[in-house]
Amino acid sequence: MGAWQASAPAFPGFHTLLCRRNLLYNLGVPNSSNPLKKCWLALTLLSLIAQDLPAQEPPPASGARILIMPRKIVSGEHATLAVLDVSGRLTPGVTVEFSNGDMLKTDATGRAMFVAPLNAEKIYAAIQGRAGRITSTIVAAVDSPSGTQEAALAPRVASLSDRFEFMGHGFCGDADRNHVLIQGLPGLVLASSPAYLAVLPPADLAPGPAQVQVACGQKSSTPFTVVFVSLELEAGNRALTPGERRKLTVRVKGTTTKVSLEARNLAPEVAELQGGTLLRAVSSGGSDNVASFELVGKQRGNFVISIRLVAPLSAPRS
């Protein structure tokens, strides 16, 4: 999966962009001859690029919005979850509540380790005080071999700028004990269990096919290939006015194959996403691989459209 958010403020001459390659992070950026129309936009983690930025205060726990739970956890085994704020920063000190009554707080890394229940088929987790909950399926230890490691399900295509996930067995429940190399570069493991990993690709990875290698201790999986793509936005640099129609174009770089994108309107009071608040579109494919969405302004203000890559999991290719 991949995702980015774009917002256009009411003040002409500035964009609020989340821009990975240029190491800009929710900053007001003056217009130039190229007003960052094609900047990579991503829910990204400051922890990955902290060495390139001045020291910053960790985000407050009150800003937590996104809970990343392993889709599968193994009965009685450790697992790791992560919590992000609305801008995609790992968020420490956030309380997570489970449906079995357990509670925990994220540590300084914005993650937390827990033990899967012994006697349930599913468990639900939520950020305390926030609506919505995430479901994890609990599998028996006998159904998740621990002596060997295999990545059994993975996406064929993933975004350079958001986490991607894969499932199998023999991974480490402690996220930091897993070592994931993507084209020889280390990825950041956000959430993990013996049956699941969610990984953020390395910032220096180029679009195109890349080999993924996974190891936990002495165990390792057969390497597999994922095509990583960048999503580039063309949205114009003027403020959106009431009644104005604006085309949002997403250019997909890294593959000529058609891909599915999902757009979600996060500020419906400011602009209307034509067709509903949640839309899917398939890119054109080919050398100019694009997908388009249309906005209609309702009032002056920041429009925020979140777009993510939709990629099913299947047997990985070597």
Protein backbone atom coordinates (compact mmCIF):
# COMPACT_ATOMS: atom_id res chain seq x y z
CA MET A 1 0.00 0.00 0.00
CA GLY A 2 1.04 3.56 -0.56
CA ALA A 3 -0.42 6.83 0.49
CA TRP A 4 0.15 10.51 0.34
CA GLN A 5 -1.80 13.58 1.32
CA ALA A 6 -1.99 16.83 -0.56
CA SER A 7 -3.36 20.06 0.79
CA ALA A 8 -3.76 23.46 -0.79
CA PRO A 9 -4.06 26.40 1.60
CA ALA A 10 -6.17 29.49 1.14
CA PHE A 11 -3.09 31.69 0.87
CA PRO A 12 -1.84 32.06 -2.73
CA GLY A 13 1.86 31.42 -3.15
CA PHE A 14 2.22 28.62 -0.62
CA HIS A 15 1.59 24.91 -0.50
CA THR A 16 1.53 22.67 2.53
CA LEU A 17 3.24 19.57 1.27
CA LEU A 18 4.52 16.36 2.73
CA CYS A 19 7.54 15.84 0.54
CA ARG A 20 9.87 12.92 1.09
CA ARG A 21 12.65 13.34 -1.40
CA ASN A 22 13.16 17.04 -0.67
CA LEU A 23 13.06 16.37 3.09
CA LEU A 24 10.27 18.86 3.61
CA TYR A 25 7.70 18.06 6.23
CA ASN A 26 4.40 19.93 6.45
CA LEU A 27 6.10 23.23 5.78
CA GLY A 28 4.84 26.33 3.99
CA VAL A 29 6.92 26.35 0.82
CA PRO A 30 7.15 29.52 -1.31
CA ASN A 31 6.28 29.22 -4.98
CA SER A 32 9.10 28.98 -7.46
CA SER A 33 9.36 28.26 -11.16
CA ASN A 34 8.48 24.72 -10.19
CA PRO A 35 6.09 25.02 -7.22
CA LEU A 36 6.69 21.42 -6.17
CA LYS A 37 3.87 20.20 -8.37
CA LYS A 38 5.61 16.90 -8.83
CA CYS A 39 7.00 16.41 -5.37
CA TRP A 40 6.77 12.95 -3.87
CA LEU A 41 4.03 13.21 -1.28
CA ALA A 42 3.92 10.63 1.43
CA LEU A 43 2.92 9.61 4.87
CA THR A 44 6.52 9.25 5.97
CA LEU A 45 8.35 8.94 9.23
CA LEU A 46 10.72 11.57 10.54
CA SER A 47 12.67 8.85 12.30
CA LEU A 48 13.94 7.69 8.90
CA ILE A 49 15.39 11.06 7.97
CA ALA A 50 16.24 12.48 11.37
CA GLN A 51 19.91 12.51 10.50
CA ASP A 52 19.16 15.04 7.76
CA LEU A 53 16.95 17.36 9.82
CA PRO A 54 17.43 19.46 12.95
CA ALA A 55 16.39 17.81 16.19
CA GLN A 56 12.64 18.04 16.66
CA GLU A 57 10.33 17.45 19.56
CA PRO A 58 8.40 14.17 19.35
CA PRO A 59 4.77 14.61 18.32
CA PRO A 60 2.30 14.85 21.22
CA ALA A 61 0.26 11.78 22.09
CA SER A 62 -2.90 13.85 21.60
CA GLY A 63 -2.14 13.96 17.87
CA ALA A 64 -2.18 10.18 17.41
CA ARG A 65 -4.47 9.10 14.58
CA ILE A 66 -3.16 5.94 12.86
CA LEU A 67 -2.79 2.55 14.53
CA ILE A 68 -0.79 -0.11 12.70
CA MET A 69 -1.52 -3.58 14.05
CA PRO A 70 -0.29 -6.86 12.56
CA ARG A 71 -3.13 -8.45 10.61
CA LYS A 72 -2.09 -11.83 12.00
CA ILE A 73 -0.66 -12.57 15.42
CA VAL A 74 0.34 -15.91 16.89
CA SER A 75 -1.23 -17.18 20.11
CA GLY A 76 1.09 -16.65 23.09
CA GLU A 77 3.80 -14.97 20.99
CA HIS A 78 5.09 -11.40 20.98
CA ALA A 79 3.95 -8.84 18.41
CA THR A 80 4.69 -5.15 17.81
CA LEU A 81 2.26 -2.36 16.92
CA ALA A 82 2.94 1.25 15.89
CA VAL A 83 1.05 4.53 16.24
CA LEU A 84 1.42 7.52 13.91
CA ASP A 85 0.06 11.05 14.02
CA VAL A 86 -1.93 12.53 11.13
CA SER A 87 1.33 13.53 9.41
CA GLY A 88 2.75 10.02 9.64
CA ARG A 89 5.20 10.52 12.52
CA LEU A 90 5.77 7.70 14.99
CA THR A 91 4.11 8.89 18.19
CA PRO A 92 5.30 7.96 21.71
CA GLY A 93 3.17 7.86 24.87
CA VAL A 94 -0.06 6.83 23.14
CA THR A 95 -2.43 4.51 25.02
CA VAL A 96 -3.80 1.60 22.98
CA GLU A 97 -6.80 -0.35 24.28
CA PHE A 98 -7.55 -3.97 23.41
CA SER A 99 -10.91 -5.71 23.34
CA ASN A 100 -9.76 -8.15 26.05
CA GLY A 101 -9.27 -5.26 28.48
CA ASP A 102 -5.50 -4.92 28.14
CA MET A 103 -3.92 -1.49 27.66
CA LEU A 104 -0.39 -0.38 26.76
CA LYS A 105 1.51 2.76 25.79
CA THR A 106 3.84 3.29 22.86
CA ASP A 107 7.50 3.74 23.80
CA ALA A 108 9.95 6.41 22.66
CA THR A 109 10.00 4.89 19.16
CA GLY A 110 6.21 5.17 18.78
CA ARG A 111 5.84 1.39 18.93
CA ALA A 112 4.84 -1.13 21.60
CA MET A 113 5.29 -4.86 22.05
CA PHE A 114 2.58 -7.12 23.45
CA VAL A 115 1.73 -10.80 23.79
CA ALA A 116 -1.08 -12.30 21.73
CA PRO A 117 -3.94 -13.86 23.75
CA LEU A 118 -4.09 -17.62 24.11
CA ASN A 119 -7.80 -18.25 23.71
CA ALA A 120 -9.40 -15.99 21.12
CA GLU A 121 -9.80 -15.99 17.34
CA LYS A 122 -9.68 -12.21 16.92
CA ILE A 123 -8.69 -9.21 18.96
CA TYR A 124 -9.52 -5.56 18.41
CA ALA A 125 -7.35 -2.57 19.24
CA ALA A 126 -7.99 1.17 19.24
CA ILE A 127 -6.24 4.39 20.16
CA GLN A 128 -7.73 5.52 23.46
CA GLY A 129 -10.26 8.27 22.91
CA ARG A 130 -10.42 7.78 19.14
CA ALA A 131 -13.16 6.19 17.08
CA GLY A 132 -12.42 3.13 14.97
CA ARG A 133 -10.63 -0.08 15.78
CA ILE A 134 -8.21 -2.45 14.09
CA THR A 135 -8.73 -6.21 13.93
CA SER A 136 -6.04 -8.86 14.23
CA THR A 137 -6.62 -12.55 13.61
CA ILE A 138 -5.05 -14.87 16.18
CA VAL A 139 -3.62 -18.09 14.77
CA ALA A 140 -2.46 -21.11 16.75
CA ALA A 141 1.26 -21.66 17.15
CA VAL A 142 0.99 -25.00 15.33
CA ASP A 143 -0.32 -23.14 12.29
CA SER A 144 2.69 -20.79 12.20
CA PRO A 145 5.93 -22.79 12.05
CA SER A 146 8.72 -21.06 13.96
CA GLY A 147 11.68 -23.18 12.89
CA THR A 148 11.77 -21.82 9.36
CA GLN A 149 10.89 -18.54 7.71
CA GLU A 150 8.77 -17.91 4.61
CA ALA A 151 7.17 -14.86 3.02
CA ALA A 152 4.04 -16.51 1.63
CA LEU A 153 2.01 -13.43 0.62
CA ALA A 154 3.35 -10.09 -0.59
CA PRO A 155 2.26 -7.26 -2.91
CA ARG A 156 3.47 -7.28 -6.52
CA VAL A 157 3.62 -3.46 -6.42
CA ALA A 158 4.15 -1.06 -3.50
CA SER A 159 4.58 2.65 -2.92
CA LEU A 160 7.99 4.12 -2.24
CA SER A 161 6.42 6.47 0.27
CA ASP A 162 4.29 4.31 2.50
CA ARG A 163 4.48 1.03 4.36
CA PHE A 164 3.93 -2.28 2.60
CA GLU A 165 3.05 -5.54 4.28
CA PHE A 166 3.63 -9.22 3.79
CA MET A 167 2.64 -12.38 5.60
CA GLY A 168 4.12 -15.80 6.23
CA HIS A 169 5.83 -17.42 9.20
CA GLY A 170 9.08 -17.36 11.17
CA PHE A 171 9.35 -13.57 11.54
CA CYS A 172 10.25 -11.88 14.85
CA GLY A 173 7.53 -10.41 17.04
CA ASP A 174 10.03 -7.81 18.23
CA ALA A 175 10.09 -5.45 15.25
CA ASP A 176 13.73 -4.46 15.60
CA ARG A 177 14.95 -8.06 15.49
CA ASN A 178 13.75 -8.35 11.89
CA HIS A 179 16.16 -7.28 9.18
CA VAL A 180 14.55 -6.30 5.89
CA LEU A 181 16.78 -5.30 2.99
CA ILE A 182 15.24 -3.77 -0.13
CA GLN A 183 17.69 -3.71 -3.02
CA GLY A 184 20.39 -3.90 -0.33
CA LEU A 185 19.03 -0.94 1.67
CA PRO A 186 17.47 -1.38 5.13
CA GLY A 187 13.73 -0.83 5.51
CA LEU A 188 12.10 0.21 8.79
CA VAL A 189 9.85 -2.45 10.38
CA LEU A 190 6.85 -0.67 11.89
CA ALA A 191 4.71 -3.57 13.04
CA SER A 192 5.46 -7.26 13.29
CA SER A 193 4.45 -10.68 14.51
CA PRO A 194 5.76 -14.18 13.70
CA ALA A 195 3.24 -14.17 10.83
CA TYR A 196 3.29 -10.55 9.60
CA LEU A 197 5.55 -7.58 8.82
CA ALA A 198 4.74 -3.95 7.91
CA VAL A 199 7.79 -2.19 6.49
CA LEU A 200 8.57 1.34 5.32
CA PRO A 201 10.89 1.32 2.27
CA PRO A 202 14.26 3.09 2.53
CA ALA A 203 14.25 6.75 1.54
CA ASP A 204 16.99 6.30 -1.09
CA LEU A 205 15.22 3.55 -3.02
CA ALA A 206 14.60 4.32 -6.70
CA PRO A 207 11.35 3.47 -8.54
CA GLY A 208 11.24 0.09 -10.23
CA PRO A 209 11.68 -3.59 -9.35
CA ALA A 210 13.62 -4.32 -6.16
CA GLN A 211 14.61 -7.49 -4.38
CA VAL A 212 13.33 -7.89 -0.81
CA GLN A 213 15.28 -10.00 1.67
CA VAL A 214 14.02 -10.82 5.17
CA ALA A 215 15.88 -12.33 8.11
CA CYS A 216 15.25 -12.88 11.83
CA GLY A 217 18.22 -14.30 13.71
CA GLN A 218 19.52 -17.29 11.76
CA LYS A 219 16.29 -17.65 9.76
CA SER A 220 15.75 -16.03 6.38
CA SER A 221 13.20 -16.12 3.59
CA THR A 222 13.72 -16.73 -0.10
CA PRO A 223 14.21 -13.26 -1.64
CA PHE A 224 11.29 -11.93 -3.66
CA THR A 225 10.69 -9.00 -5.99
CA VAL A 226 8.37 -6.04 -5.50
CA VAL A 227 7.92 -3.20 -8.00
CA PHE A 228 8.15 0.07 -6.08
CA VAL A 229 6.45 3.12 -7.57
CA SER A 230 6.44 6.82 -6.86
CA LEU A 231 3.23 8.83 -6.94
CA GLU A 232 3.67 12.35 -8.28
CA LEU A 233 0.97 14.98 -7.90
CA GLU A 234 -0.11 17.62 -10.38
CA ALA A 235 -2.70 19.78 -8.65
CA GLY A 236 -1.93 23.38 -9.57
CA ASN A 237 -0.63 25.97 -7.15
CA ARG A 238 -3.60 28.33 -6.80
CA ALA A 239 -5.97 28.33 -3.87
CA LEU A 240 -9.21 26.46 -4.58
CA THR A 241 -12.20 28.82 -4.72
CA PRO A 242 -15.90 28.01 -4.16
CA GLY A 243 -17.44 26.43 -7.26
CA GLU A 244 -14.09 25.91 -8.97
CA ARG A 245 -13.43 22.50 -10.54
CA ARG A 246 -9.89 21.23 -10.34
CA LYS A 247 -8.35 18.12 -11.80
CA LEU A 248 -5.92 16.19 -9.61
CA THR A 249 -3.54 14.03 -11.64
CA VAL A 250 -1.36 11.33 -10.12
CA ARG A 251 1.58 10.17 -12.20
CA VAL A 252 2.85 6.69 -11.44
CA LYS A 253 6.59 6.24 -11.97
CA GLY A 254 8.33 2.89 -11.78
CA THR A 255 5.91 0.71 -13.75
CA THR A 256 4.00 0.78 -17.03
CA THR A 257 1.37 -1.57 -15.60
CA LYS A 258 -2.03 -0.25 -14.55
CA VAL A 259 -2.35 0.22 -10.78
CA SER A 260 -5.31 0.93 -8.53
CA LEU A 261 -5.43 4.11 -6.45
CA GLU A 262 -7.88 5.08 -3.74
CA ALA A 263 -8.68 8.73 -2.95
CA ARG A 264 -10.27 9.79 0.33
CA ASN A 265 -11.56 13.30 1.02
CA LEU A 266 -10.38 14.35 4.48
CA ALA A 267 -11.85 17.86 4.37
CA PRO A 268 -15.31 17.53 2.76
CA GLU A 269 -16.40 20.88 4.15
CA VAL A 270 -13.80 22.62 1.98
CA ALA A 271 -14.06 20.68 -1.27
CA GLU A 272 -16.11 17.90 -2.79
CA LEU A 273 -14.44 14.91 -4.38
CA GLN A 274 -16.55 14.16 -7.43
CA GLY A 275 -18.19 10.75 -7.03
CA GLY A 276 -18.07 10.50 -3.22
CA THR A 277 -15.74 10.86 -0.25
CA LEU A 278 -13.96 7.59 -1.11
CA LEU A 279 -13.13 6.80 -4.73
CA ARG A 280 -10.98 4.34 -6.64
CA ALA A 281 -9.40 4.84 -10.03
CA VAL A 282 -7.17 2.67 -12.20
CA SER A 283 -4.18 4.31 -13.84
CA SER A 284 -3.84 4.34 -17.60
CA GLY A 285 -0.74 2.17 -17.79
CA GLY A 286 1.92 2.74 -20.40
CA SER A 287 4.85 5.14 -20.43
CA ASP A 288 2.62 8.01 -19.24
CA ASN A 289 0.94 6.13 -16.40
CA VAL A 290 -1.63 8.46 -14.83
CA ALA A 291 -4.88 8.49 -12.87
CA SER A 292 -7.15 11.48 -12.29
CA PHE A 293 -9.65 12.73 -9.75
CA GLU A 294 -11.74 15.92 -9.73
CA LEU A 295 -12.44 18.36 -6.92
CA VAL A 296 -15.12 21.04 -6.64
CA GLY A 297 -14.47 23.87 -4.20
CA LYS A 298 -17.07 24.58 -1.52
CA GLN A 299 -15.31 27.22 0.54
CA ARG A 300 -11.87 28.75 0.79
CA GLY A 301 -9.56 26.69 2.92
CA ASN A 302 -7.23 23.71 2.93
CA PHE A 303 -8.44 20.79 0.85
CA VAL A 304 -6.91 17.49 1.95
CA ILE A 305 -7.10 14.44 -0.27
CA SER A 306 -5.39 11.24 0.83
CA ILE A 307 -4.45 8.87 -1.97
CA ARG A 308 -3.08 5.37 -1.46
CA LEU A 309 -1.96 2.57 -3.70
CA VAL A 310 -4.25 -0.46 -3.53
CA ALA A 311 -2.32 -3.67 -4.09
CA PRO A 312 -3.58 -7.13 -3.08
CA LEU A 313 -1.26 -9.71 -1.56
CA SER A 314 -0.37 -12.82 -3.54
CA ALA A 315 2.37 -15.42 -3.76
CA PRO A 316 5.60 -13.45 -4.19
CA ARG A 317 7.79 -13.67 -7.27
CA SER A 318 11.50 -14.30 -7.05
